């Protein structure tokens, strides 16, 4: 499988997009630790892949969507084709995350209940951490049971920024 890889500049720092010809496979923040994690995910879920440093139609669509998102014009990534490979529980969590509205937050426990595993809040946290597509699959909208911001692969400063951005634009953002 051929994958295309291209950087995308955003107000919260550089991101890296990976896509096949048909769908987005990853959207990561550009830190060293996140890139090592991405390499591991690629080896596990895309074992026979070749990466080409080039944009693609899918990456161009993601770049356009991100521009609209950061401008406060759009928040629903539902029309973007995604290739979310992961364990079945992870995929259920990621699907539940995509149901969260912009500016809305929920807890790990609430997501666990939503996916039918009420005692699996920690497993939800692990699935959030394994989320390969930042922002579009909005794991940044999940907070601790006590209302505090907890863990985010892109860093708590980015999580805070994204939540505040969405709350500021919530009424203007099309679902």
N, C-alpha and C. Protein backbone atom coordinates (compact mmCIF):
# COMPACT_ATOMS: atom_id res chain seq x y z
N UNK A 1 0.85 -1.17 0.00
CA UNK A 1 0.00 0.00 0.00
C UNK A 1 0.90 1.24 0.00
N UNK A 2 0.56 2.17 -0.85
CA UNK A 2 1.30 3.43 -0.89
C UNK A 2 0.60 4.47 -0.02
N UNK A 3 1.37 5.11 0.84
CA UNK A 3 0.87 6.18 1.68
C UNK A 3 1.58 7.48 1.33
N UNK A 4 0.84 8.54 1.37
CA UNK A 4 1.39 9.88 1.13
C UNK A 4 1.56 10.58 2.47
N UNK A 5 2.65 11.32 2.62
CA UNK A 5 2.93 12.01 3.88
C UNK A 5 3.27 13.46 3.57
N UNK A 6 2.58 14.37 4.29
CA UNK A 6 2.83 15.79 4.07
C UNK A 6 2.63 16.56 5.37
N UNK A 7 3.46 17.58 5.59
CA UNK A 7 3.29 18.43 6.77
C UNK A 7 2.15 19.42 6.55
N UNK A 8 1.51 19.80 7.64
CA UNK A 8 0.46 20.81 7.60
C UNK A 8 0.72 21.78 8.75
N UNK A 9 0.86 23.04 8.44
CA UNK A 9 1.05 24.06 9.48
C UNK A 9 -0.31 24.46 10.03
N UNK A 10 -0.39 24.57 11.36
CA UNK A 10 -1.64 24.96 12.01
C UNK A 10 -1.31 25.99 13.10
N UNK A 11 -2.32 26.68 13.61
CA UNK A 11 -2.09 27.62 14.71
C UNK A 11 -1.59 26.95 15.99
N UNK A 12 -1.74 25.64 16.12
CA UNK A 12 -1.26 24.94 17.31
C UNK A 12 0.02 24.16 17.02
N UNK A 13 0.67 24.48 15.93
CA UNK A 13 1.94 23.85 15.61
C UNK A 13 1.83 22.93 14.40
N UNK A 14 2.98 22.47 13.95
CA UNK A 14 3.00 21.61 12.76
C UNK A 14 2.36 20.26 13.03
N UNK A 15 1.69 19.76 12.00
CA UNK A 15 1.10 18.43 12.04
C UNK A 15 1.60 17.66 10.84
N UNK A 16 1.46 16.35 10.90
CA UNK A 16 1.86 15.49 9.80
C UNK A 16 0.65 14.65 9.41
N UNK A 17 0.30 14.69 8.14
CA UNK A 17 -0.82 13.90 7.63
C UNK A 17 -0.28 12.73 6.81
N UNK A 18 -0.91 11.57 6.99
CA UNK A 18 -0.61 10.39 6.20
C UNK A 18 -1.91 9.89 5.61
N UNK A 19 -1.89 9.61 4.32
CA UNK A 19 -3.11 9.16 3.67
C UNK A 19 -2.79 8.16 2.57
N UNK A 20 -3.73 7.26 2.35
CA UNK A 20 -3.68 6.42 1.16
C UNK A 20 -4.30 7.24 0.04
N UNK A 21 -4.48 6.64 -1.09
CA UNK A 21 -5.15 7.34 -2.19
C UNK A 21 -6.62 7.61 -1.85
N UNK A 22 -7.16 6.83 -0.89
CA UNK A 22 -8.59 6.90 -0.61
C UNK A 22 -8.99 7.53 0.71
N UNK A 23 -8.09 7.53 1.72
CA UNK A 23 -8.52 7.97 3.05
C UNK A 23 -7.34 8.43 3.90
N UNK A 24 -7.65 9.27 4.88
CA UNK A 24 -6.66 9.73 5.86
C UNK A 24 -6.39 8.60 6.85
N UNK A 25 -5.13 8.31 7.06
CA UNK A 25 -4.71 7.24 7.97
C UNK A 25 -4.20 7.79 9.29
N UNK A 26 -3.64 9.00 9.26
CA UNK A 26 -3.09 9.59 10.48
C UNK A 26 -2.99 11.09 10.33
N UNK A 27 -3.19 11.78 11.44
CA UNK A 27 -2.96 13.22 11.53
C UNK A 27 -2.38 13.44 12.92
N UNK A 28 -1.09 13.69 12.97
CA UNK A 28 -0.35 13.76 14.23
C UNK A 28 0.32 15.11 14.41
N UNK A 29 0.49 15.49 15.67
CA UNK A 29 1.32 16.64 15.98
C UNK A 29 2.77 16.23 15.77
N UNK A 30 3.59 17.18 15.35
CA UNK A 30 4.94 16.86 14.90
C UNK A 30 6.01 16.71 15.94
N UNK A 31 5.74 16.16 17.12
CA UNK A 31 6.78 15.96 18.11
C UNK A 31 7.48 14.61 17.90
N UNK A 32 8.69 14.49 18.40
CA UNK A 32 9.47 13.27 18.22
C UNK A 32 8.74 12.06 18.78
N UNK A 33 8.20 12.17 19.98
CA UNK A 33 7.48 11.06 20.60
C UNK A 33 6.28 10.62 19.79
N UNK A 34 5.56 11.58 19.24
CA UNK A 34 4.38 11.25 18.43
C UNK A 34 4.79 10.56 17.12
N UNK A 35 5.93 10.95 16.57
CA UNK A 35 6.38 10.32 15.33
C UNK A 35 6.80 8.87 15.57
N UNK A 36 7.45 8.60 16.71
CA UNK A 36 7.81 7.23 17.05
C UNK A 36 6.56 6.38 17.22
N UNK A 37 5.54 6.94 17.85
CA UNK A 37 4.27 6.23 18.02
C UNK A 37 3.62 5.96 16.67
N UNK A 38 3.68 6.95 15.78
CA UNK A 38 3.11 6.79 14.45
C UNK A 38 3.83 5.68 13.68
N UNK A 39 5.16 5.63 13.78
CA UNK A 39 5.91 4.57 13.11
C UNK A 39 5.47 3.19 13.60
N UNK A 40 5.25 3.06 14.90
CA UNK A 40 4.78 1.80 15.46
C UNK A 40 3.39 1.43 14.96
N UNK A 41 2.51 2.42 14.87
CA UNK A 41 1.15 2.16 14.36
C UNK A 41 1.21 1.72 12.90
N UNK A 42 2.05 2.38 12.12
CA UNK A 42 2.16 2.01 10.71
C UNK A 42 2.65 0.58 10.56
N UNK A 43 3.65 0.21 11.34
CA UNK A 43 4.18 -1.15 11.27
C UNK A 43 3.12 -2.18 11.65
N UNK A 44 2.28 -1.85 12.62
CA UNK A 44 1.25 -2.80 13.07
C UNK A 44 0.05 -2.85 12.14
N UNK A 45 -0.48 -1.69 11.75
CA UNK A 45 -1.76 -1.66 11.04
C UNK A 45 -1.63 -1.49 9.53
N UNK A 46 -0.46 -1.11 9.05
CA UNK A 46 -0.21 -0.98 7.61
C UNK A 46 1.11 -1.68 7.30
N UNK A 47 1.17 -3.01 7.51
CA UNK A 47 2.45 -3.71 7.46
C UNK A 47 3.18 -3.65 6.12
N UNK A 48 2.48 -3.59 5.05
CA UNK A 48 3.14 -3.56 3.74
C UNK A 48 2.91 -2.20 3.09
N UNK A 49 3.53 -1.17 3.65
CA UNK A 49 3.31 0.17 3.12
C UNK A 49 4.62 0.80 2.67
N UNK A 50 4.47 1.71 1.73
CA UNK A 50 5.58 2.55 1.28
C UNK A 50 5.11 3.98 1.45
N UNK A 51 5.99 4.83 1.99
CA UNK A 51 5.63 6.21 2.24
C UNK A 51 6.31 7.10 1.22
N UNK A 52 5.50 7.96 0.63
CA UNK A 52 6.00 8.95 -0.32
C UNK A 52 5.78 10.34 0.27
N UNK A 53 6.84 11.13 0.35
CA UNK A 53 6.70 12.50 0.85
C UNK A 53 6.10 13.37 -0.25
N UNK A 54 4.77 13.40 -0.24
CA UNK A 54 4.03 14.16 -1.24
C UNK A 54 2.61 14.34 -0.73
N UNK A 55 1.95 15.36 -1.22
CA UNK A 55 0.56 15.55 -0.87
C UNK A 55 -0.30 14.64 -1.75
N UNK A 56 -1.57 14.62 -1.45
CA UNK A 56 -2.53 13.84 -2.24
C UNK A 56 -3.86 14.57 -2.18
N UNK A 57 -4.82 14.09 -2.93
CA UNK A 57 -6.15 14.70 -2.88
C UNK A 57 -6.74 14.64 -1.49
N UNK A 58 -6.54 13.53 -0.78
CA UNK A 58 -7.06 13.38 0.57
C UNK A 58 -6.37 14.39 1.51
N UNK A 59 -5.05 14.49 1.42
CA UNK A 59 -4.33 15.43 2.28
C UNK A 59 -4.72 16.86 1.96
N UNK A 60 -4.92 17.16 0.68
CA UNK A 60 -5.38 18.50 0.32
C UNK A 60 -6.74 18.80 0.94
N UNK A 61 -7.64 17.81 0.96
CA UNK A 61 -8.96 18.00 1.58
C UNK A 61 -8.83 18.20 3.09
N UNK A 62 -7.92 17.48 3.72
CA UNK A 62 -7.69 17.63 5.17
C UNK A 62 -7.11 19.01 5.45
N UNK A 63 -6.17 19.44 4.64
CA UNK A 63 -5.57 20.77 4.80
C UNK A 63 -6.65 21.85 4.70
N UNK A 64 -7.55 21.71 3.73
CA UNK A 64 -8.64 22.67 3.56
C UNK A 64 -9.58 22.62 4.77
N UNK A 65 -9.92 21.42 5.24
CA UNK A 65 -10.79 21.29 6.40
C UNK A 65 -10.16 21.95 7.62
N UNK A 66 -8.87 21.68 7.86
CA UNK A 66 -8.18 22.28 9.00
C UNK A 66 -8.18 23.81 8.91
N UNK A 67 -7.99 24.34 7.71
CA UNK A 67 -8.06 25.79 7.54
C UNK A 67 -9.41 26.33 7.94
N UNK A 68 -10.48 25.64 7.55
CA UNK A 68 -11.83 26.05 7.91
C UNK A 68 -12.07 25.88 9.42
N UNK A 69 -11.57 24.80 9.98
CA UNK A 69 -11.73 24.55 11.41
C UNK A 69 -11.06 25.67 12.22
N UNK A 70 -9.82 25.98 11.89
CA UNK A 70 -9.11 26.99 12.65
C UNK A 70 -9.65 28.40 12.40
N UNK A 71 -10.31 28.61 11.27
CA UNK A 71 -10.94 29.90 10.99
C UNK A 71 -12.29 30.02 11.70
N UNK A 72 -12.77 28.91 12.28
CA UNK A 72 -14.06 28.93 12.96
C UNK A 72 -15.23 28.74 12.02
N UNK A 73 -14.94 28.20 10.82
CA UNK A 73 -16.00 28.03 9.82
C UNK A 73 -16.56 26.62 9.76
N UNK A 74 -15.85 25.64 10.33
CA UNK A 74 -16.29 24.27 10.16
C UNK A 74 -15.69 23.40 11.26
N UNK A 75 -16.47 22.44 11.77
CA UNK A 75 -15.94 21.53 12.77
C UNK A 75 -16.26 20.07 12.49
N UNK A 76 -17.20 19.80 11.62
CA UNK A 76 -17.59 18.42 11.35
C UNK A 76 -16.67 17.83 10.29
N UNK A 77 -15.91 16.83 10.69
CA UNK A 77 -15.03 16.15 9.74
C UNK A 77 -15.67 14.93 9.15
N UNK A 78 -16.98 14.80 9.29
CA UNK A 78 -17.70 13.61 8.83
C UNK A 78 -17.59 13.32 7.35
N UNK A 79 -17.32 14.32 6.55
CA UNK A 79 -17.22 14.08 5.10
C UNK A 79 -15.82 13.66 4.69
N UNK A 80 -14.85 13.77 5.60
CA UNK A 80 -13.49 13.36 5.27
C UNK A 80 -13.38 11.84 5.33
N UNK A 81 -12.80 11.22 4.32
CA UNK A 81 -12.64 9.76 4.36
C UNK A 81 -11.52 9.38 5.33
N UNK A 82 -11.83 8.53 6.30
CA UNK A 82 -10.86 8.12 7.31
C UNK A 82 -10.64 6.62 7.26
N UNK A 83 -9.40 6.21 7.44
CA UNK A 83 -9.03 4.80 7.55
C UNK A 83 -8.54 4.60 8.98
N UNK A 84 -9.47 4.34 9.88
CA UNK A 84 -9.18 4.21 11.31
C UNK A 84 -8.92 2.75 11.65
N UNK A 85 -7.67 2.36 11.61
CA UNK A 85 -7.33 0.99 11.94
C UNK A 85 -6.90 0.91 13.40
N UNK A 86 -7.47 -0.06 14.08
CA UNK A 86 -7.15 -0.26 15.49
C UNK A 86 -7.92 -1.45 16.00
N UNK A 87 -7.76 -1.73 17.28
CA UNK A 87 -8.49 -2.82 17.92
C UNK A 87 -9.99 -2.48 17.93
N UNK A 88 -10.85 -3.48 18.00
CA UNK A 88 -12.29 -3.21 17.99
C UNK A 88 -12.74 -2.21 19.07
N UNK A 89 -12.21 -2.33 20.29
CA UNK A 89 -12.60 -1.39 21.35
C UNK A 89 -12.16 0.03 20.99
N UNK A 90 -10.94 0.17 20.48
CA UNK A 90 -10.46 1.49 20.07
C UNK A 90 -11.38 2.10 19.02
N UNK A 91 -11.77 1.32 18.05
CA UNK A 91 -12.64 1.84 16.98
C UNK A 91 -14.01 2.26 17.52
N UNK A 92 -14.53 1.54 18.51
CA UNK A 92 -15.81 1.93 19.14
C UNK A 92 -15.65 3.26 19.87
N UNK A 93 -14.52 3.42 20.57
CA UNK A 93 -14.27 4.68 21.28
C UNK A 93 -14.14 5.81 20.27
N UNK A 94 -13.38 5.62 19.22
CA UNK A 94 -13.19 6.67 18.22
C UNK A 94 -14.50 7.07 17.56
N UNK A 95 -15.37 6.09 17.33
CA UNK A 95 -16.70 6.40 16.76
C UNK A 95 -17.50 7.24 17.74
N UNK A 96 -17.43 6.91 19.03
CA UNK A 96 -18.15 7.70 20.05
C UNK A 96 -17.60 9.12 20.12
N UNK A 97 -16.30 9.28 19.98
CA UNK A 97 -15.70 10.61 20.00
C UNK A 97 -16.23 11.46 18.85
N UNK A 98 -16.45 10.85 17.73
CA UNK A 98 -16.91 11.61 16.55
C UNK A 98 -18.34 12.10 16.73
N UNK A 99 -19.05 11.57 17.72
CA UNK A 99 -20.41 12.04 18.01
C UNK A 99 -20.42 13.29 18.88
N UNK A 100 -19.27 13.64 19.48
CA UNK A 100 -19.21 14.82 20.34
C UNK A 100 -19.27 16.09 19.51
N UNK A 101 -20.06 17.03 19.97
CA UNK A 101 -20.21 18.30 19.26
C UNK A 101 -19.04 19.23 19.60
N UNK A 102 -18.69 20.13 18.70
CA UNK A 102 -17.62 21.10 18.97
C UNK A 102 -17.92 21.91 20.23
N UNK A 103 -16.90 22.06 21.06
CA UNK A 103 -17.05 22.82 22.29
C UNK A 103 -17.62 22.02 23.44
N UNK A 104 -18.13 20.83 23.15
CA UNK A 104 -18.69 19.95 24.18
C UNK A 104 -17.56 19.08 24.74
N UNK A 105 -17.56 18.88 26.04
CA UNK A 105 -16.62 17.94 26.63
C UNK A 105 -17.40 16.85 27.34
N UNK A 106 -16.73 15.74 27.53
CA UNK A 106 -17.30 14.61 28.24
C UNK A 106 -16.19 13.93 29.01
N UNK A 107 -16.53 12.92 29.77
CA UNK A 107 -15.53 12.24 30.58
C UNK A 107 -15.20 10.87 29.98
N UNK A 108 -14.09 10.31 30.45
CA UNK A 108 -13.69 8.97 30.03
C UNK A 108 -14.76 7.96 30.44
N UNK A 109 -15.32 8.14 31.65
CA UNK A 109 -16.37 7.25 32.12
C UNK A 109 -17.62 7.31 31.27
N UNK A 110 -17.98 8.51 30.82
CA UNK A 110 -19.17 8.66 29.97
C UNK A 110 -18.96 7.96 28.63
N UNK A 111 -17.78 8.07 28.09
CA UNK A 111 -17.49 7.37 26.83
C UNK A 111 -17.51 5.86 27.07
N UNK A 112 -16.96 5.41 28.18
CA UNK A 112 -16.99 3.98 28.51
C UNK A 112 -18.43 3.47 28.55
N UNK A 113 -19.30 4.22 29.20
CA UNK A 113 -20.71 3.80 29.26
C UNK A 113 -21.33 3.80 27.86
N UNK A 114 -20.99 4.80 27.07
CA UNK A 114 -21.56 4.90 25.73
C UNK A 114 -21.18 3.72 24.84
N UNK A 115 -19.96 3.21 25.02
CA UNK A 115 -19.52 2.08 24.18
C UNK A 115 -19.84 0.73 24.82
N UNK A 116 -20.61 0.75 25.93
CA UNK A 116 -21.08 -0.49 26.53
C UNK A 116 -20.10 -1.15 27.48
N UNK A 117 -19.12 -0.42 27.96
CA UNK A 117 -18.14 -0.95 28.91
C UNK A 117 -17.99 0.02 30.08
N UNK A 118 -19.01 0.09 30.95
CA UNK A 118 -19.05 1.14 31.97
C UNK A 118 -17.87 1.17 32.93
N UNK A 119 -17.16 0.08 33.10
CA UNK A 119 -16.02 0.08 34.02
C UNK A 119 -14.68 0.27 33.29
N UNK A 120 -14.72 0.69 32.04
CA UNK A 120 -13.51 0.75 31.22
C UNK A 120 -13.01 2.17 30.97
N UNK A 121 -13.16 3.07 31.95
CA UNK A 121 -12.71 4.45 31.74
C UNK A 121 -11.22 4.51 31.42
N UNK A 122 -10.41 3.70 32.09
CA UNK A 122 -8.97 3.71 31.79
C UNK A 122 -8.69 3.19 30.39
N UNK A 123 -9.43 2.19 29.96
CA UNK A 123 -9.26 1.66 28.61
C UNK A 123 -9.66 2.72 27.58
N UNK A 124 -10.66 3.52 27.91
CA UNK A 124 -11.03 4.64 27.03
C UNK A 124 -9.86 5.61 26.93
N UNK A 125 -9.21 5.88 28.05
CA UNK A 125 -8.04 6.75 28.04
C UNK A 125 -6.94 6.19 27.14
N UNK A 126 -6.74 4.89 27.20
CA UNK A 126 -5.73 4.26 26.34
C UNK A 126 -6.14 4.36 24.86
N UNK A 127 -7.42 4.16 24.59
CA UNK A 127 -7.90 4.27 23.21
C UNK A 127 -7.75 5.71 22.71
N UNK A 128 -8.02 6.68 23.59
CA UNK A 128 -7.81 8.08 23.22
C UNK A 128 -6.35 8.30 22.86
N UNK A 129 -5.45 7.76 23.67
CA UNK A 129 -4.03 7.91 23.41
C UNK A 129 -3.58 7.26 22.13
N UNK A 130 -4.32 6.24 21.69
CA UNK A 130 -3.99 5.54 20.45
C UNK A 130 -4.66 6.16 19.23
N UNK A 131 -5.49 7.18 19.44
CA UNK A 131 -6.20 7.83 18.34
C UNK A 131 -5.20 8.32 17.30
N UNK A 132 -5.29 7.81 16.06
CA UNK A 132 -4.32 8.20 15.05
C UNK A 132 -4.65 9.51 14.32
N UNK A 133 -5.86 10.05 14.56
CA UNK A 133 -6.28 11.21 13.77
C UNK A 133 -6.72 12.34 14.71
N UNK A 134 -5.74 13.15 15.11
CA UNK A 134 -6.01 14.25 16.03
C UNK A 134 -6.99 15.25 15.43
N UNK A 135 -7.69 15.92 16.27
CA UNK A 135 -8.65 16.99 15.99
C UNK A 135 -9.89 16.47 15.26
N UNK A 136 -9.74 15.78 14.16
CA UNK A 136 -10.89 15.27 13.40
C UNK A 136 -11.62 14.20 14.21
N UNK A 137 -10.88 13.32 14.86
CA UNK A 137 -11.43 12.40 15.85
C UNK A 137 -11.10 13.07 17.18
N UNK A 138 -12.07 13.80 17.75
CA UNK A 138 -11.78 14.80 18.79
C UNK A 138 -11.55 14.26 20.20
N UNK A 139 -10.47 13.54 20.37
CA UNK A 139 -10.15 13.03 21.71
C UNK A 139 -9.81 14.17 22.67
N UNK A 140 -9.53 15.35 22.13
CA UNK A 140 -9.26 16.50 23.01
C UNK A 140 -10.50 16.93 23.79
N UNK A 141 -11.67 16.45 23.42
CA UNK A 141 -12.92 16.83 24.09
C UNK A 141 -13.21 15.96 25.31
N UNK A 142 -12.30 15.04 25.65
CA UNK A 142 -12.52 14.16 26.79
C UNK A 142 -11.68 14.67 27.96
N UNK A 143 -12.35 14.82 29.11
CA UNK A 143 -11.70 15.37 30.31
C UNK A 143 -11.89 14.41 31.47
N UNK A 144 -11.22 14.68 32.57
CA UNK A 144 -11.34 13.86 33.76
C UNK A 144 -12.69 13.99 34.42
N UNK A 145 -13.04 13.02 35.25
CA UNK A 145 -14.34 13.01 35.94
C UNK A 145 -14.51 14.23 36.83
N UNK A 146 -13.39 14.79 37.30
CA UNK A 146 -13.46 15.96 38.18
C UNK A 146 -13.46 17.27 37.40
N UNK A 147 -13.53 17.18 36.07
CA UNK A 147 -13.59 18.38 35.23
C UNK A 147 -12.23 18.91 34.81
N UNK A 148 -11.16 18.30 35.31
CA UNK A 148 -9.82 18.77 34.93
C UNK A 148 -9.40 18.18 33.59
N UNK A 149 -8.57 18.94 32.90
CA UNK A 149 -7.99 18.43 31.67
C UNK A 149 -6.92 17.42 32.03
N UNK A 150 -6.99 16.27 31.40
CA UNK A 150 -5.99 15.23 31.64
C UNK A 150 -5.46 14.78 30.30
N UNK A 151 -4.32 14.15 30.32
CA UNK A 151 -3.61 13.62 29.18
C UNK A 151 -4.10 13.97 27.79
N UNK A 152 -3.18 14.38 26.98
CA UNK A 152 -3.44 14.61 25.56
C UNK A 152 -2.11 14.45 24.84
N UNK A 153 -2.08 13.61 23.83
CA UNK A 153 -0.83 13.34 23.12
C UNK A 153 -0.18 14.58 22.54
N UNK A 154 -0.98 15.57 22.21
CA UNK A 154 -0.43 16.81 21.66
C UNK A 154 -0.01 17.79 22.74
N UNK A 155 -0.26 17.44 24.02
CA UNK A 155 0.09 18.31 25.14
C UNK A 155 -1.15 19.04 25.65
N UNK A 156 -1.18 19.27 26.96
CA UNK A 156 -2.34 19.92 27.57
C UNK A 156 -2.52 21.35 27.08
N UNK A 157 -1.44 22.02 26.69
CA UNK A 157 -1.60 23.38 26.16
C UNK A 157 -2.41 23.36 24.87
N UNK A 158 -2.16 22.39 24.02
CA UNK A 158 -2.95 22.27 22.78
C UNK A 158 -4.39 21.88 23.08
N UNK A 159 -4.57 20.96 24.01
CA UNK A 159 -5.93 20.53 24.38
C UNK A 159 -6.73 21.73 24.86
N UNK A 160 -6.14 22.53 25.73
CA UNK A 160 -6.79 23.73 26.24
C UNK A 160 -7.13 24.67 25.10
N UNK A 161 -6.18 24.89 24.21
CA UNK A 161 -6.38 25.79 23.08
C UNK A 161 -7.54 25.30 22.21
N UNK A 162 -7.56 24.01 21.88
CA UNK A 162 -8.60 23.46 21.01
C UNK A 162 -9.98 23.57 21.64
N UNK A 163 -10.09 23.24 22.92
CA UNK A 163 -11.39 23.34 23.60
C UNK A 163 -11.85 24.79 23.64
N UNK A 164 -10.96 25.70 23.99
CA UNK A 164 -11.33 27.12 24.03
C UNK A 164 -11.71 27.64 22.65
N UNK A 165 -10.97 27.22 21.63
CA UNK A 165 -11.29 27.62 20.24
C UNK A 165 -12.70 27.17 19.88
N UNK A 166 -13.02 25.93 20.17
CA UNK A 166 -14.34 25.40 19.82
C UNK A 166 -15.44 26.07 20.62
N UNK A 167 -15.19 26.34 21.87
CA UNK A 167 -16.22 27.01 22.68
C UNK A 167 -16.47 28.42 22.18
N UNK A 168 -15.42 29.09 21.76
CA UNK A 168 -15.57 30.45 21.25
C UNK A 168 -16.38 30.46 19.96
N UNK A 169 -16.17 29.47 19.12
CA UNK A 169 -16.82 29.43 17.82
C UNK A 169 -18.03 28.51 17.77
N UNK A 170 -18.37 27.87 18.89
CA UNK A 170 -19.40 26.82 18.90
C UNK A 170 -20.68 27.21 18.17
N UNK A 171 -21.20 28.40 18.41
CA UNK A 171 -22.47 28.77 17.80
C UNK A 171 -22.35 29.04 16.30
N UNK A 172 -21.14 29.33 15.85
CA UNK A 172 -20.96 29.62 14.43
C UNK A 172 -20.55 28.39 13.64
N UNK A 173 -19.99 27.38 14.32
CA UNK A 173 -19.47 26.21 13.62
C UNK A 173 -20.61 25.32 13.13
N UNK A 174 -20.63 25.02 11.83
CA UNK A 174 -21.63 24.06 11.35
C UNK A 174 -21.31 22.69 11.89
N UNK A 175 -22.32 21.97 12.25
CA UNK A 175 -22.11 20.60 12.75
C UNK A 175 -21.80 19.75 11.59
